[in-house]
Amino acid sequence: VQLQASGGGLVQAGGSLRLSCAASGSTFTSSTMGWFRQTPGKEREFVGNIRWSGGSTVYADFVRGRFTISRDSAENTVYLQMNSLKPEDTAVYYCAVKLAWSSKYDYWGQGTQVTVWT
């Protein structure tokens, strides 16, 4: 399984970015795709996830209403649309997949840097 995250960059506070996570190497129809983020000196934190089948989502409180996760089944790609970005959203963002039979996230992408400036 390979996950390729992209779309990070530099954005002014209040702006938007869309991250992508292209997945390959398995069948993901029964999996859950997650987004996490990490800043230096802090533990990786959960941002949100989406169930590949059905598209139901879960979000961390600090992003609810600002971030949206979606997926394109035909492209095997998951998106993280980030709006109303704040400086505290600055982090390396990672995508990960929890396969159908797993209780944890099994595979991780390489991370993409998001920097929000004022």
C-alpha atoms as a PDB file:
ATOM      1  CA  VAL A   1       0.000   0.000   0.000  1.00  0.00           C
ATOM      2  CA  GLN A   2       1.242   3.444  -0.889  1.00  0.00           C
ATOM      3  CA  LEU A   3      -0.155   6.801   0.103  1.00  0.00           C
ATOM      4  CA  GLN A   4       1.014   9.953  -1.618  1.00  0.00           C
ATOM      5  CA  ALA A   5       0.033  13.202   0.063  1.00  0.00           C
ATOM      6  CA  SER A   6       0.290  16.503  -1.771  1.00  0.00           C
ATOM      7  CA  GLY A   7      -1.113  20.004  -1.879  1.00  0.00           C
ATOM      8  CA  GLY A   8       0.597  21.632   1.070  1.00  0.00           C
ATOM      9  CA  GLY A   9       2.044  25.091   0.885  1.00  0.00           C
ATOM     10  CA  LEU A  10       2.127  28.597   2.242  1.00  0.00           C
ATOM     11  CA  VAL A  11      -1.177  30.389   2.735  1.00  0.00           C
ATOM     12  CA  GLN A  12      -2.315  33.545   4.438  1.00  0.00           C
ATOM     13  CA  ALA A  13      -4.562  33.248   7.491  1.00  0.00           C
ATOM     14  CA  GLY A  14      -8.178  33.023   6.410  1.00  0.00           C
ATOM     15  CA  GLY A  15      -7.252  31.329   3.178  1.00  0.00           C
ATOM     16  CA  SER A  16      -7.818  27.825   1.894  1.00  0.00           C
ATOM     17  CA  LEU A  17      -5.848  24.807   0.772  1.00  0.00           C
ATOM     18  CA  ARG A  18      -6.834  21.413  -0.487  1.00  0.00           C
ATOM     19  CA  LEU A  19      -4.669  18.432   0.328  1.00  0.00           C
ATOM     20  CA  SER A  20      -4.818  15.234  -1.667  1.00  0.00           C
ATOM     21  CA  CYS A  21      -3.905  11.692  -0.731  1.00  0.00           C
ATOM     22  CA  ALA A  22      -3.599   9.235  -3.589  1.00  0.00           C
ATOM     23  CA  ALA A  23      -3.838   5.613  -2.463  1.00  0.00           C
ATOM     24  CA  SER A  24      -2.648   2.547  -4.321  1.00  0.00           C
ATOM     25  CA  GLY A  25      -1.729  -1.066  -3.777  1.00  0.00           C
ATOM     26  CA  SER A  26      -4.882  -2.419  -2.248  1.00  0.00           C
ATOM     27  CA  THR A  27      -8.631  -2.422  -2.353  1.00  0.00           C
ATOM     28  CA  PHE A  28      -9.859   0.348  -0.102  1.00  0.00           C
ATOM     29  CA  THR A  29     -13.597  -0.131  -0.266  1.00  0.00           C
ATOM     30  CA  SER A  30     -13.822  -1.277   3.363  1.00  0.00           C
ATOM     31  CA  SER A  31     -11.154   0.974   4.750  1.00  0.00           C
ATOM     32  CA  THR A  32     -11.041   4.235   6.641  1.00  0.00           C
ATOM     33  CA  MET A  33      -8.805   7.045   5.437  1.00  0.00           C
ATOM     34  CA  GLY A  34      -7.556   9.469   8.045  1.00  0.00           C
ATOM     35  CA  TRP A  35      -5.807  12.804   8.175  1.00  0.00           C
ATOM     36  CA  PHE A  36      -3.426  13.713  10.979  1.00  0.00           C
ATOM     37  CA  ARG A  37      -1.087  16.587  11.637  1.00  0.00           C
ATOM     38  CA  GLN A  38       2.049  17.171  13.638  1.00  0.00           C
ATOM     39  CA  THR A  39       4.111  20.151  14.700  1.00  0.00           C
ATOM     40  CA  PRO A  40       7.651  19.976  16.101  1.00  0.00           C
ATOM     41  CA  GLY A  41       7.719  18.861  19.715  1.00  0.00           C
ATOM     42  CA  LYS A  42       4.097  17.775  19.739  1.00  0.00           C
ATOM     43  CA  GLU A  43       2.414  14.453  19.246  1.00  0.00           C
ATOM     44  CA  ARG A  44       0.667  13.687  16.020  1.00  0.00           C
ATOM     45  CA  GLU A  45      -2.999  14.614  16.322  1.00  0.00           C
ATOM     46  CA  PHE A  46      -6.103  13.368  14.612  1.00  0.00           C
ATOM     47  CA  VAL A  47      -7.755  15.765  12.180  1.00  0.00           C
ATOM     48  CA  GLY A  48     -10.516  13.631  10.738  1.00  0.00           C
ATOM     49  CA  ASN A  49     -11.348  10.548   8.758  1.00  0.00           C
ATOM     50  CA  ILE A  50     -13.701   9.177   6.157  1.00  0.00           C
ATOM     51  CA  ARG A  51     -15.056   5.717   5.626  1.00  0.00           C
ATOM     52  CA  TRP A  52     -14.422   4.737   2.051  1.00  0.00           C
ATOM     53  CA  SER A  53     -17.754   2.948   1.822  1.00  0.00           C
ATOM     54  CA  GLY A  54     -20.553   5.380   2.431  1.00  0.00           C
ATOM     55  CA  GLY A  55     -18.388   8.415   2.945  1.00  0.00           C
ATOM     56  CA  SER A  56     -19.224   9.068   6.583  1.00  0.00           C
ATOM     57  CA  THR A  57     -16.810  11.440   8.271  1.00  0.00           C
ATOM     58  CA  VAL A  58     -15.519  12.242  11.723  1.00  0.00           C
ATOM     59  CA  TYR A  59     -13.670  15.435  12.631  1.00  0.00           C
ATOM     60  CA  ALA A  60     -11.662  16.739  15.513  1.00  0.00           C
ATOM     61  CA  ASP A  61     -13.395  19.569  17.334  1.00  0.00           C
ATOM     62  CA  PHE A  62     -10.766  22.103  16.354  1.00  0.00           C
ATOM     63  CA  VAL A  63     -11.443  21.687  12.616  1.00  0.00           C
ATOM     64  CA  ARG A  64     -15.147  20.995  12.538  1.00  0.00           C
ATOM     65  CA  GLY A  65     -16.865  23.500  10.313  1.00  0.00           C
ATOM     66  CA  ARG A  66     -13.639  24.576   8.635  1.00  0.00           C
ATOM     67  CA  PHE A  67     -12.231  21.364   7.164  1.00  0.00           C
ATOM     68  CA  THR A  68     -13.997  18.860   4.949  1.00  0.00           C
ATOM     69  CA  ILE A  69     -12.847  15.388   3.975  1.00  0.00           C
ATOM     70  CA  SER A  70     -14.079  13.781   0.786  1.00  0.00           C
ATOM     71  CA  ARG A  71     -13.043  10.949  -1.489  1.00  0.00           C
ATOM     72  CA  ASP A  72     -13.033  10.137  -5.157  1.00  0.00           C
ATOM     73  CA  SER A  73     -13.466   6.405  -5.470  1.00  0.00           C
ATOM     74  CA  ALA A  74     -12.629   6.352  -9.159  1.00  0.00           C
ATOM     75  CA  GLU A  75      -9.285   8.036  -8.482  1.00  0.00           C
ATOM     76  CA  ASN A  76      -8.610   6.291  -5.140  1.00  0.00           C
ATOM     77  CA  THR A  77      -7.948   9.724  -3.718  1.00  0.00           C
ATOM     78  CA  VAL A  78      -8.997  11.384  -0.490  1.00  0.00           C
ATOM     79  CA  TYR A  79      -9.103  15.142  -0.071  1.00  0.00           C
ATOM     80  CA  LEU A  80      -8.822  17.464   2.879  1.00  0.00           C
ATOM     81  CA  GLN A  81     -10.349  20.834   2.069  1.00  0.00           C
ATOM     82  CA  MET A  82      -9.144  23.368   4.596  1.00  0.00           C
ATOM     83  CA  ASN A  83     -10.895  26.717   4.824  1.00  0.00           C
ATOM     84  CA  SER A  84     -10.547  29.650   7.207  1.00  0.00           C
ATOM     85  CA  LEU A  85      -7.027  28.581   8.000  1.00  0.00           C
ATOM     86  CA  LYS A  86      -5.375  29.838  11.160  1.00  0.00           C
ATOM     87  CA  PRO A  87      -1.696  30.090  12.082  1.00  0.00           C
ATOM     88  CA  GLU A  88      -2.223  27.271  14.563  1.00  0.00           C
ATOM     89  CA  ASP A  89      -3.110  24.995  11.643  1.00  0.00           C
ATOM     90  CA  THR A  90       0.527  25.142  10.596  1.00  0.00           C
ATOM     91  CA  ALA A  91       1.818  21.569  10.651  1.00  0.00           C
ATOM     92  CA  VAL A  92       2.896  18.635   8.580  1.00  0.00           C
ATOM     93  CA  TYR A  93      -0.255  16.867   7.461  1.00  0.00           C
ATOM     94  CA  TYR A  94      -0.302  13.119   6.996  1.00  0.00           C
ATOM     95  CA  CYS A  95      -2.819  10.780   5.457  1.00  0.00           C
ATOM     96  CA  ALA A  96      -3.186   7.228   6.661  1.00  0.00           C
ATOM     97  CA  VAL A  97      -5.330   4.195   5.977  1.00  0.00           C
ATOM     98  CA  LYS A  98      -6.931   1.779   8.378  1.00  0.00           C
ATOM     99  CA  LEU A  99      -7.706  -1.389   6.494  1.00  0.00           C
ATOM    100  CA  ALA A 100     -10.949  -3.273   6.965  1.00  0.00           C
ATOM    101  CA  TRP A 101      -9.701  -5.780   9.527  1.00  0.00           C
ATOM    102  CA  SER A 102      -7.478  -3.408  11.453  1.00  0.00           C
ATOM    103  CA  SER A 103      -7.967  -1.466  14.683  1.00  0.00           C
ATOM    104  CA  LYS A 104      -5.182   1.000  13.904  1.00  0.00           C
ATOM    105  CA  TYR A 105      -3.891   2.995  10.985  1.00  0.00           C
ATOM    106  CA  ASP A 106      -1.716   0.616   9.039  1.00  0.00           C
ATOM    107  CA  TYR A 107      -0.076   2.745   6.382  1.00  0.00           C
ATOM    108  CA  TRP A 108       1.007   6.364   6.320  1.00  0.00           C
ATOM    109  CA  GLY A 109       1.857   8.860   3.639  1.00  0.00           C
ATOM    110  CA  GLN A 110       4.992  10.953   3.719  1.00  0.00           C
ATOM    111  CA  GLY A 111       3.397  14.173   4.944  1.00  0.00           C
ATOM    112  CA  THR A 112       2.937  17.562   3.370  1.00  0.00           C
ATOM    113  CA  GLN A 113       3.794  20.864   5.012  1.00  0.00           C
ATOM    114  CA  VAL A 114       1.106  23.484   5.551  1.00  0.00           C
ATOM    115  CA  THR A 115       2.216  26.895   6.757  1.00  0.00           C
ATOM    116  CA  VAL A 116      -0.313  29.598   7.606  1.00  0.00           C
ATOM    117  CA  TRP A 117       1.022  33.124   7.993  1.00  0.00           C
ATOM    118  CA  THR A 118      -0.526  36.355   9.230  1.00  0.00           C
END
